[in-house]
């Protein structure tokens, strides 16, 4: 079973997943690219999920997870590492932070009544020490998520294409065109799941046509849209 709620950290979401018998039978569903990064806790391990450009399927049997998902572009400042170094990866937090610090944090979560709240408190503490999120990058996400073209958005923000690409690599793990594709995928999946016909989904999400939608879903989700929605 999966549950989530808005975090006390602005823009973030805290979540937890617990295995169920039906989930065990069906297998684990892929995690789709969404422009975000997560801090994760499971079975005594603290990990970071980097920004994805392809579907991610957890290995091994289903297990309990707790996590906090950061708004696109905000995690690198909290973690102290550029997003592109973690692209399409799940890494131990000890690879990024001193082992002694991670052991203290892990113990703090293990003894807490609620691991999700403990993770959230850790993220809030890091945010209090880090520089505030770049408002330009947040505006970039808002514009691209609304379906605005990358070039028009860059012009509106008053930033050159090369500088925008460099800042996107650091903040999101990939360039603005990939970010736009990922956000468009999320829009399309949300529309299709709500019952909007595929052709209308393609038009409303910003695809050229329904075949364009189908190709992009296969590339980013690893399966046809119908199979994805069937899960």
Foldseek 3Di string as FASTA:
>chain_A
DKDWDDAPPPQKIKIKDADDPVCQVVAFAWDFFALKKKFKDFPLFTKIQAGEQATHHDDDGDHMMIMMIHHHQPVCQLQVFFRLVRYPHIGTSVVRDPPVVVNVLSVQLVPDPHNRVSNSVSSVVSCVVTDDGDVLVVVLLVCLLQPHDPVVSCVVSVHDQVVQQVSCCRRRSGGSVSSSLSSLLVQLLVCVLVPDDQQVSCVNSHHPGSVRNQVSCCSRHVDGSVVSSVD
